Amino acid sequence: MKSNLLFDFIVDKPAKTVVVNREFDADLSLVWDAFTKQEILDQWWAPKPWISKTKVMNFEVGGRRFYAMVSPEGDEHWSIQKYIAISPTSNFKMLSAFADADENPQLPGSDWDFNFSEENGTTKVSITIKNDSLERFEQMIEMGFQGGFTMTLNYLDTLLETLSKKWTTY
């Protein structure tokens, strides 16, 4: 496992934007799958001890992921992600919004732009999260987004290490 991998978390309140740059010691195709396949997403897309539970996912332009982050006590916090653009293994864009259990979004949401690149076996993921609403942006930050998302990406790093070992044994 490589050390000294890039991890930037930049909060720009005037622009209502968060930029996350994170490198992973894994193949681009594996990292792409981790962000776009339900069976992998549900293993890491929540800060522990919470878990991610996807009810619906169709990763295609116009498709969506409807999922809950579930607390150890069973409390469910639902979100919906609507995919608006996909360029396989290099980029996808989505609108993300909190929702109720019946899939009714609580607007406003935020626009997420994911960019993937690989160099010398290291995959870089750059995520730009834009909010039209300052209130939504501040709510996201106050809810501990930076700590939670950092923890979540660290779980992904551990999962990728395990998955990479499985890939190389086949």
N, C-alpha and C. Protein backbone atom coordinates (compact mmCIF):
# COMPACT_ATOMS: atom_id res chain seq x y z
N MET A 1 0.84 -1.19 0.00
CA MET A 1 0.00 0.00 0.00
C MET A 1 0.88 1.24 0.00
N LYS A 2 0.57 2.17 -0.88
CA LYS A 2 1.35 3.40 -0.97
C LYS A 2 0.99 4.35 0.16
N SER A 3 1.99 5.06 0.63
CA SER A 3 1.71 6.12 1.59
C SER A 3 1.80 7.44 0.84
N ASN A 4 1.52 8.52 1.52
CA ASN A 4 1.59 9.85 0.93
C ASN A 4 0.62 10.04 -0.24
N LEU A 5 -0.54 9.43 -0.17
CA LEU A 5 -1.55 9.63 -1.19
C LEU A 5 -2.26 10.97 -0.94
N LEU A 6 -2.58 11.66 -2.01
CA LEU A 6 -3.23 12.96 -1.93
C LEU A 6 -4.60 12.85 -1.28
N PHE A 7 -4.88 13.80 -0.38
CA PHE A 7 -6.22 13.95 0.16
C PHE A 7 -6.42 15.42 0.52
N ASP A 8 -7.16 16.14 -0.32
CA ASP A 8 -7.50 17.54 -0.09
C ASP A 8 -9.00 17.64 0.15
N PHE A 9 -9.39 18.47 1.09
CA PHE A 9 -10.80 18.76 1.36
C PHE A 9 -10.91 20.26 1.48
N ILE A 10 -11.45 20.91 0.47
CA ILE A 10 -11.46 22.37 0.39
C ILE A 10 -12.90 22.86 0.46
N VAL A 11 -13.19 23.69 1.46
CA VAL A 11 -14.52 24.28 1.64
C VAL A 11 -14.44 25.74 1.21
N ASP A 12 -15.26 26.10 0.23
CA ASP A 12 -15.31 27.47 -0.28
C ASP A 12 -16.72 28.01 -0.03
N LYS A 13 -16.89 28.62 1.15
CA LYS A 13 -18.23 29.09 1.54
C LYS A 13 -18.80 30.13 0.58
N PRO A 14 -18.01 31.15 0.14
CA PRO A 14 -18.61 32.13 -0.78
C PRO A 14 -19.14 31.48 -2.07
N ALA A 15 -18.48 30.42 -2.54
CA ALA A 15 -18.93 29.74 -3.76
C ALA A 15 -19.91 28.61 -3.46
N LYS A 16 -20.16 28.36 -2.17
CA LYS A 16 -21.06 27.27 -1.73
C LYS A 16 -20.61 25.93 -2.33
N THR A 17 -19.28 25.70 -2.30
CA THR A 17 -18.68 24.55 -2.97
C THR A 17 -17.70 23.83 -2.04
N VAL A 18 -17.69 22.51 -2.17
CA VAL A 18 -16.67 21.68 -1.53
C VAL A 18 -15.95 20.93 -2.64
N VAL A 19 -14.62 20.91 -2.57
CA VAL A 19 -13.82 20.15 -3.52
C VAL A 19 -13.02 19.12 -2.73
N VAL A 20 -13.14 17.86 -3.14
CA VAL A 20 -12.40 16.77 -2.51
C VAL A 20 -11.53 16.13 -3.58
N ASN A 21 -10.24 16.06 -3.31
CA ASN A 21 -9.30 15.35 -4.17
C ASN A 21 -8.72 14.22 -3.35
N ARG A 22 -8.86 13.00 -3.85
CA ARG A 22 -8.41 11.83 -3.08
C ARG A 22 -7.77 10.83 -4.03
N GLU A 23 -6.59 10.35 -3.66
CA GLU A 23 -5.92 9.30 -4.42
C GLU A 23 -6.11 7.97 -3.72
N PHE A 24 -6.19 6.91 -4.53
CA PHE A 24 -6.34 5.54 -4.03
C PHE A 24 -5.28 4.66 -4.70
N ASP A 25 -4.72 3.77 -3.93
CA ASP A 25 -3.73 2.83 -4.44
C ASP A 25 -4.48 1.63 -5.03
N ALA A 26 -5.14 1.88 -6.16
CA ALA A 26 -5.97 0.85 -6.82
C ALA A 26 -6.16 1.21 -8.28
N ASP A 27 -6.46 0.20 -9.08
CA ASP A 27 -6.75 0.38 -10.50
C ASP A 27 -7.94 1.29 -10.71
N LEU A 28 -7.89 2.08 -11.77
CA LEU A 28 -8.99 2.97 -12.13
C LEU A 28 -10.30 2.20 -12.26
N SER A 29 -10.28 1.06 -12.92
CA SER A 29 -11.54 0.32 -13.13
C SER A 29 -12.16 -0.13 -11.81
N LEU A 30 -11.34 -0.50 -10.84
CA LEU A 30 -11.85 -0.92 -9.54
C LEU A 30 -12.43 0.28 -8.78
N VAL A 31 -11.74 1.41 -8.81
CA VAL A 31 -12.24 2.61 -8.12
C VAL A 31 -13.54 3.07 -8.78
N TRP A 32 -13.59 3.06 -10.11
CA TRP A 32 -14.82 3.41 -10.83
C TRP A 32 -15.97 2.52 -10.36
N ASP A 33 -15.73 1.21 -10.32
CA ASP A 33 -16.77 0.27 -9.88
C ASP A 33 -17.22 0.58 -8.46
N ALA A 34 -16.29 0.96 -7.59
CA ALA A 34 -16.63 1.25 -6.20
C ALA A 34 -17.59 2.43 -6.09
N PHE A 35 -17.53 3.35 -7.03
CA PHE A 35 -18.41 4.52 -7.01
C PHE A 35 -19.69 4.30 -7.81
N THR A 36 -19.77 3.23 -8.62
CA THR A 36 -20.89 3.12 -9.56
C THR A 36 -21.66 1.80 -9.47
N LYS A 37 -21.23 0.88 -8.63
CA LYS A 37 -21.93 -0.40 -8.50
C LYS A 37 -22.49 -0.55 -7.09
N GLN A 38 -23.78 -0.84 -7.05
CA GLN A 38 -24.50 -0.91 -5.78
C GLN A 38 -23.85 -1.87 -4.79
N GLU A 39 -23.44 -3.05 -5.24
CA GLU A 39 -22.92 -4.04 -4.32
C GLU A 39 -21.61 -3.60 -3.66
N ILE A 40 -20.88 -2.68 -4.29
CA ILE A 40 -19.67 -2.15 -3.66
C ILE A 40 -20.00 -0.88 -2.87
N LEU A 41 -20.82 -0.01 -3.44
CA LEU A 41 -21.21 1.23 -2.75
C LEU A 41 -21.77 0.95 -1.35
N ASP A 42 -22.61 -0.05 -1.26
CA ASP A 42 -23.24 -0.34 0.03
C ASP A 42 -22.24 -0.83 1.08
N GLN A 43 -21.03 -1.16 0.67
CA GLN A 43 -20.02 -1.60 1.62
C GLN A 43 -19.23 -0.43 2.23
N TRP A 44 -19.37 0.79 1.63
CA TRP A 44 -18.54 1.88 2.14
C TRP A 44 -19.19 3.25 2.18
N TRP A 45 -20.31 3.49 1.53
CA TRP A 45 -20.87 4.84 1.39
C TRP A 45 -21.64 5.26 2.64
N ALA A 46 -21.01 5.17 3.80
CA ALA A 46 -21.57 5.66 5.06
C ALA A 46 -20.45 5.65 6.10
N PRO A 47 -20.41 6.67 6.95
CA PRO A 47 -19.40 6.65 8.01
C PRO A 47 -19.79 5.61 9.08
N LYS A 48 -18.85 4.73 9.38
CA LYS A 48 -19.13 3.68 10.37
C LYS A 48 -19.40 4.33 11.72
N PRO A 49 -20.30 3.81 12.50
CA PRO A 49 -20.94 2.49 12.41
C PRO A 49 -22.21 2.48 11.56
N TRP A 50 -22.51 3.56 10.87
CA TRP A 50 -23.66 3.59 9.99
C TRP A 50 -23.41 2.66 8.80
N ILE A 51 -24.48 2.25 8.14
CA ILE A 51 -24.35 1.44 6.92
C ILE A 51 -25.18 2.08 5.82
N SER A 52 -24.84 1.76 4.59
CA SER A 52 -25.58 2.24 3.43
C SER A 52 -26.46 1.10 2.93
N LYS A 53 -27.72 1.42 2.66
CA LYS A 53 -28.67 0.42 2.18
C LYS A 53 -29.38 0.98 0.94
N THR A 54 -29.05 0.43 -0.23
CA THR A 54 -29.65 0.90 -1.47
C THR A 54 -30.96 0.17 -1.73
N LYS A 55 -31.99 0.93 -2.02
CA LYS A 55 -33.29 0.36 -2.37
C LYS A 55 -33.41 0.22 -3.89
N VAL A 56 -32.93 1.24 -4.64
CA VAL A 56 -33.00 1.25 -6.10
C VAL A 56 -31.72 1.87 -6.63
N MET A 57 -31.14 1.26 -7.66
CA MET A 57 -30.02 1.89 -8.33
C MET A 57 -29.98 1.46 -9.77
N ASN A 58 -29.98 2.43 -10.65
CA ASN A 58 -29.72 2.19 -12.07
C ASN A 58 -28.77 3.29 -12.53
N PHE A 59 -27.50 2.89 -12.67
CA PHE A 59 -26.44 3.83 -13.04
C PHE A 59 -26.44 4.01 -14.54
N GLU A 60 -27.23 4.99 -14.97
CA GLU A 60 -27.31 5.39 -16.38
C GLU A 60 -27.82 6.82 -16.39
N VAL A 61 -27.58 7.54 -17.48
CA VAL A 61 -28.07 8.91 -17.57
C VAL A 61 -29.59 8.87 -17.43
N GLY A 62 -30.11 9.67 -16.52
CA GLY A 62 -31.54 9.67 -16.21
C GLY A 62 -31.91 8.68 -15.13
N GLY A 63 -30.97 7.83 -14.74
CA GLY A 63 -31.21 6.85 -13.69
C GLY A 63 -31.00 7.46 -12.31
N ARG A 64 -31.16 6.61 -11.30
CA ARG A 64 -31.05 7.13 -9.94
C ARG A 64 -30.59 6.04 -8.97
N ARG A 65 -30.12 6.51 -7.84
CA ARG A 65 -29.86 5.65 -6.68
C ARG A 65 -30.69 6.23 -5.54
N PHE A 66 -31.51 5.39 -4.93
CA PHE A 66 -32.31 5.77 -3.77
C PHE A 66 -31.82 4.89 -2.63
N TYR A 67 -31.28 5.52 -1.60
CA TYR A 67 -30.65 4.73 -0.54
C TYR A 67 -30.82 5.42 0.81
N ALA A 68 -30.55 4.66 1.85
CA ALA A 68 -30.58 5.20 3.20
C ALA A 68 -29.24 4.95 3.88
N MET A 69 -28.85 5.90 4.70
CA MET A 69 -27.78 5.65 5.66
C MET A 69 -28.52 5.25 6.93
N VAL A 70 -28.14 4.09 7.46
CA VAL A 70 -28.86 3.50 8.58
C VAL A 70 -27.96 3.48 9.81
N SER A 71 -28.48 4.04 10.90
CA SER A 71 -27.72 4.09 12.14
C SER A 71 -27.73 2.71 12.81
N PRO A 72 -26.85 2.49 13.78
CA PRO A 72 -26.86 1.21 14.51
C PRO A 72 -28.21 0.94 15.20
N GLU A 73 -28.94 2.02 15.51
CA GLU A 73 -30.26 1.88 16.15
C GLU A 73 -31.38 1.65 15.13
N GLY A 74 -31.04 1.70 13.84
CA GLY A 74 -32.03 1.46 12.80
C GLY A 74 -32.66 2.71 12.21
N ASP A 75 -32.23 3.90 12.66
CA ASP A 75 -32.74 5.15 12.08
C ASP A 75 -32.27 5.25 10.63
N GLU A 76 -33.17 5.60 9.73
CA GLU A 76 -32.85 5.71 8.31
C GLU A 76 -32.90 7.16 7.87
N HIS A 77 -31.83 7.58 7.18
CA HIS A 77 -31.76 8.92 6.59
C HIS A 77 -31.61 8.71 5.09
N TRP A 78 -32.69 9.00 4.35
CA TRP A 78 -32.78 8.69 2.93
C TRP A 78 -32.21 9.80 2.06
N SER A 79 -31.67 9.40 0.92
CA SER A 79 -31.17 10.33 -0.09
C SER A 79 -31.47 9.76 -1.47
N ILE A 80 -31.53 10.66 -2.42
CA ILE A 80 -31.70 10.26 -3.82
C ILE A 80 -30.60 10.93 -4.64
N GLN A 81 -30.03 10.16 -5.53
CA GLN A 81 -29.02 10.66 -6.45
C GLN A 81 -29.55 10.44 -7.86
N LYS A 82 -29.61 11.50 -8.64
CA LYS A 82 -30.07 11.38 -10.04
C LYS A 82 -28.88 11.62 -10.95
N TYR A 83 -28.59 10.64 -11.81
CA TYR A 83 -27.43 10.71 -12.68
C TYR A 83 -27.75 11.54 -13.92
N ILE A 84 -26.96 12.59 -14.15
CA ILE A 84 -27.26 13.50 -15.25
C ILE A 84 -26.25 13.41 -16.40
N ALA A 85 -25.07 12.84 -16.14
CA ALA A 85 -24.06 12.67 -17.20
C ALA A 85 -23.10 11.56 -16.77
N ILE A 86 -22.71 10.72 -17.74
CA ILE A 86 -21.78 9.63 -17.46
C ILE A 86 -20.83 9.47 -18.64
N SER A 87 -19.53 9.53 -18.36
CA SER A 87 -18.48 9.20 -19.32
C SER A 87 -17.68 8.07 -18.69
N PRO A 88 -17.96 6.82 -19.07
CA PRO A 88 -17.40 5.66 -18.37
C PRO A 88 -15.91 5.77 -18.06
N THR A 89 -15.62 5.46 -16.83
CA THR A 89 -14.31 5.45 -16.16
C THR A 89 -13.61 6.80 -16.06
N SER A 90 -14.26 7.88 -16.52
CA SER A 90 -13.60 9.18 -16.37
C SER A 90 -14.43 10.23 -15.61
N ASN A 91 -15.77 10.18 -15.72
CA ASN A 91 -16.57 11.22 -15.10
C ASN A 91 -18.03 10.79 -14.98
N PHE A 92 -18.65 11.22 -13.90
CA PHE A 92 -20.12 11.21 -13.85
C PHE A 92 -20.57 12.38 -12.99
N LYS A 93 -21.79 12.82 -13.29
CA LYS A 93 -22.39 13.94 -12.57
C LYS A 93 -23.75 13.52 -12.06
N MET A 94 -24.07 14.03 -10.88
CA MET A 94 -25.37 13.69 -10.30
C MET A 94 -25.89 14.83 -9.46
N LEU A 95 -27.19 14.83 -9.28
CA LEU A 95 -27.86 15.71 -8.33
C LEU A 95 -28.15 14.85 -7.11
N SER A 96 -27.75 15.32 -5.94
CA SER A 96 -27.98 14.58 -4.71
C SER A 96 -28.85 15.41 -3.78
N ALA A 97 -29.88 14.78 -3.21
CA ALA A 97 -30.77 15.49 -2.29
C ALA A 97 -31.22 14.54 -1.19
N PHE A 98 -31.41 15.10 -0.01
CA PHE A 98 -32.04 14.32 1.04
C PHE A 98 -33.47 14.02 0.59
N ALA A 99 -34.04 12.94 1.12
CA ALA A 99 -35.39 12.55 0.72
C ALA A 99 -36.09 11.90 1.90
N ASP A 100 -37.39 11.69 1.73
CA ASP A 100 -38.11 10.90 2.73
C ASP A 100 -38.14 9.45 2.27
N ALA A 101 -38.70 8.59 3.07
CA ALA A 101 -38.71 7.15 2.77
C ALA A 101 -39.54 6.80 1.54
N ASP A 102 -40.36 7.75 1.06
CA ASP A 102 -41.16 7.53 -0.15
C ASP A 102 -40.52 8.13 -1.40
N GLU A 103 -39.25 8.51 -1.28
CA GLU A 103 -38.45 9.01 -2.40
C GLU A 103 -38.83 10.42 -2.83
N ASN A 104 -39.42 11.19 -1.92
CA ASN A 104 -39.72 12.58 -2.21
C ASN A 104 -38.51 13.42 -1.79
N PRO A 105 -37.84 14.06 -2.77
CA PRO A 105 -36.64 14.83 -2.42
C PRO A 105 -36.96 16.06 -1.59
N GLN A 106 -36.03 16.38 -0.71
CA GLN A 106 -36.12 17.61 0.07
C GLN A 106 -35.16 18.60 -0.59
N LEU A 107 -35.70 19.42 -1.44
CA LEU A 107 -34.87 20.35 -2.19
C LEU A 107 -34.57 21.58 -1.34
N PRO A 108 -33.49 22.26 -1.58
CA PRO A 108 -32.57 22.05 -2.69
C PRO A 108 -31.56 20.94 -2.38
N GLY A 109 -31.01 20.41 -3.44
CA GLY A 109 -29.96 19.41 -3.32
C GLY A 109 -28.63 20.04 -3.69
N SER A 110 -27.69 19.19 -4.05
CA SER A 110 -26.38 19.69 -4.49
C SER A 110 -25.96 18.93 -5.74
N ASP A 111 -25.15 19.60 -6.56
CA ASP A 111 -24.63 19.01 -7.79
C ASP A 111 -23.24 18.43 -7.50
N TRP A 112 -23.06 17.16 -7.83
CA TRP A 112 -21.79 16.47 -7.62
C TRP A 112 -21.18 16.15 -8.98
N ASP A 113 -19.90 16.44 -9.11
CA ASP A 113 -19.16 16.17 -10.34
C ASP A 113 -17.93 15.34 -9.96
N PHE A 114 -17.89 14.08 -10.41
CA PHE A 114 -16.81 13.14 -10.08
C PHE A 114 -15.90 12.99 -11.30
N ASN A 115 -14.60 13.19 -11.11
CA ASN A 115 -13.62 12.99 -12.17
C ASN A 115 -12.59 11.97 -11.71
N PHE A 116 -12.29 11.01 -12.59
CA PHE A 116 -11.39 9.90 -12.29
C PHE A 116 -10.21 9.92 -13.26
N SER A 117 -9.01 9.72 -12.73
CA SER A 117 -7.82 9.59 -13.58
C SER A 117 -6.85 8.64 -12.90
N GLU A 118 -5.97 8.06 -13.71
CA GLU A 118 -5.01 7.10 -13.16
C GLU A 118 -3.61 7.42 -13.68
N GLU A 119 -2.65 7.30 -12.78
CA GLU A 119 -1.25 7.48 -13.16
C GLU A 119 -0.40 6.53 -12.31
N ASN A 120 0.36 5.68 -12.97
CA ASN A 120 1.27 4.73 -12.30
C ASN A 120 0.57 3.89 -11.23
N GLY A 121 -0.63 3.42 -11.54
CA GLY A 121 -1.35 2.54 -10.62
C GLY A 121 -2.07 3.25 -9.49
N THR A 122 -2.00 4.57 -9.46
CA THR A 122 -2.72 5.35 -8.46
C THR A 122 -3.89 6.04 -9.15
N THR A 123 -5.07 5.89 -8.57
CA THR A 123 -6.27 6.52 -9.13
C THR A 123 -6.63 7.74 -8.31
N LYS A 124 -6.82 8.86 -9.01
CA LYS A 124 -7.24 10.10 -8.37
C LYS A 124 -8.71 10.33 -8.66
N VAL A 125 -9.45 10.63 -7.61
CA VAL A 125 -10.85 11.01 -7.74
C VAL A 125 -10.97 12.45 -7.27
N SER A 126 -11.50 13.30 -8.14
CA SER A 126 -11.75 14.71 -7.80
C SER A 126 -13.25 14.92 -7.81
N ILE A 127 -13.77 15.38 -6.69
CA ILE A 127 -15.21 15.55 -6.52
C ILE A 127 -15.48 17.02 -6.22
N THR A 128 -16.33 17.63 -7.02
CA THR A 128 -16.76 19.00 -6.77
C THR A 128 -18.25 18.96 -6.43
N ILE A 129 -18.59 19.53 -5.29
CA ILE A 129 -19.97 19.53 -4.80
C ILE A 129 -20.42 20.99 -4.72
N LYS A 130 -21.39 21.33 -5.56
CA LYS A 130 -21.89 22.71 -5.61
C LYS A 130 -23.31 22.77 -5.06
N ASN A 131 -23.55 23.79 -4.28
CA ASN A 131 -24.87 24.02 -3.72
C ASN A 131 -25.40 25.36 -4.22
N ASP A 132 -26.63 25.39 -4.69
CA ASP A 132 -27.25 26.65 -5.07
C ASP A 132 -27.69 27.42 -3.84
N SER A 133 -27.99 26.67 -2.79
CA SER A 133 -28.52 27.26 -1.57
C SER A 133 -27.44 27.36 -0.49
N LEU A 134 -27.22 28.57 0.02
CA LEU A 134 -26.27 28.76 1.12
C LEU A 134 -26.77 28.01 2.35
N GLU A 135 -28.08 28.01 2.56
CA GLU A 135 -28.66 27.31 3.71
C GLU A 135 -28.35 25.80 3.62
N ARG A 136 -28.52 25.20 2.45
CA ARG A 136 -28.23 23.77 2.25
C ARG A 136 -26.74 23.51 2.46
N PHE A 137 -25.89 24.40 1.92
CA PHE A 137 -24.45 24.27 2.07
C PHE A 137 -24.06 24.29 3.55
N GLU A 138 -24.57 25.28 4.28
CA GLU A 138 -24.24 25.39 5.70
C GLU A 138 -24.76 24.20 6.49
N GLN A 139 -25.95 23.70 6.13
CA GLN A 139 -26.51 22.52 6.79
C GLN A 139 -25.60 21.32 6.57
N MET A 140 -25.12 21.15 5.36
CA MET A 140 -24.23 20.03 5.02
C MET A 140 -22.95 20.11 5.86
N ILE A 141 -22.36 21.29 5.95
CA ILE A 141 -21.12 21.46 6.70
C ILE A 141 -21.37 21.27 8.20
N GLU A 142 -22.45 21.84 8.72
CA GLU A 142 -22.76 21.74 10.14
C GLU A 142 -23.08 20.30 10.57
N MET A 143 -23.59 19.49 9.63
CA MET A 143 -23.91 18.09 9.96
C MET A 143 -22.65 17.24 10.04
N GLY A 144 -21.49 17.85 9.84
CA GLY A 144 -20.25 17.10 9.95
C GLY A 144 -19.83 16.42 8.67
N PHE A 145 -20.19 17.01 7.54
CA PHE A 145 -19.89 16.38 6.25
C PHE A 145 -18.40 16.10 6.08
N GLN A 146 -17.55 17.05 6.45
CA GLN A 146 -16.12 16.84 6.24
C GLN A 146 -15.62 15.62 7.01
N GLY A 147 -15.94 15.53 8.27
CA GLY A 147 -15.50 14.39 9.07
C GLY A 147 -16.11 13.09 8.59
N GLY A 148 -17.40 13.12 8.31
CA GLY A 148 -18.09 11.91 7.86
C GLY A 148 -17.61 11.42 6.51
N PHE A 149 -17.43 12.35 5.56
CA PHE A 149 -16.99 11.96 4.22
C PHE A 149 -15.53 11.51 4.24
N THR A 150 -14.72 12.15 5.07
CA THR A 150 -13.32 11.72 5.23
C THR A 150 -13.29 10.28 5.75
N MET A 151 -14.07 10.01 6.78
CA MET A 151 -14.13 8.66 7.34
C MET A 151 -14.61 7.66 6.29
N THR A 152 -15.62 8.05 5.53
CA THR A 152 -16.19 7.19 4.51
C THR A 152 -15.15 6.86 3.42
N LEU A 153 -14.42 7.87 2.96
CA LEU A 153 -13.39 7.63 1.95
C LEU A 153 -12.25 6.77 2.50
N ASN A 154 -11.96 6.90 3.79
CA ASN A 154 -10.95 6.03 4.39
C ASN A 154 -11.43 4.58 4.42
N TYR A 155 -12.72 4.36 4.66
CA TYR A 155 -13.27 2.99 4.58
C TYR A 155 -13.18 2.46 3.17
N LEU A 156 -13.41 3.33 2.19
CA LEU A 156 -13.26 2.90 0.80
C LEU A 156 -11.81 2.47 0.54
N ASP A 157 -10.86 3.23 1.06
CA ASP A 157 -9.45 2.89 0.88
C ASP A 157 -9.16 1.49 1.41
N THR A 158 -9.66 1.17 2.58
CA THR A 158 -9.48 -0.16 3.17
C THR A 158 -10.16 -1.23 2.33
N LEU A 159 -11.38 -0.96 1.87
CA LEU A 159 -12.11 -1.91 1.03
C LEU A 159 -11.37 -2.14 -0.29
N LEU A 160 -10.85 -1.07 -0.90
CA LEU A 160 -10.12 -1.23 -2.16
C LEU A 160 -8.88 -2.09 -1.98
N GLU A 161 -8.22 -1.95 -0.85
CA GLU A 161 -7.05 -2.78 -0.57
C GLU A 161 -7.46 -4.27 -0.55
N THR A 162 -8.57 -4.57 0.10
CA THR A 162 -9.07 -5.95 0.15
C THR A 162 -9.49 -6.43 -1.23
N LEU A 163 -10.24 -5.59 -1.96
CA LEU A 163 -10.71 -5.98 -3.29
C LEU A 163 -9.54 -6.13 -4.27
N SER A 164 -8.53 -5.26 -4.15
CA SER A 164 -7.36 -5.36 -5.04
C SER A 164 -6.64 -6.69 -4.84
N LYS A 165 -6.55 -7.13 -3.61
CA LYS A 165 -5.90 -8.42 -3.32
C LYS A 165 -6.69 -9.56 -3.96
N LYS A 166 -8.02 -9.48 -3.91
CA LYS A 166 -8.86 -10.51 -4.53
C LYS A 166 -8.68 -10.50 -6.04
N TRP A 167 -8.60 -9.29 -6.62
CA TRP A 167 -8.43 -9.16 -8.07
C TRP A 167 -7.13 -9.80 -8.53
N THR A 168 -6.06 -9.60 -7.77
CA THR A 168 -4.75 -10.10 -8.21
C THR A 168 -4.60 -11.60 -7.99
N THR A 169 -5.49 -12.22 -7.23
CA THR A 169 -5.39 -13.67 -7.01
C THR A 169 -6.12 -14.47 -8.07
N TYR A 170 -6.88 -13.81 -8.93
CA TYR A 170 -7.62 -14.53 -9.98
C TYR A 170 -6.80 -14.64 -11.24
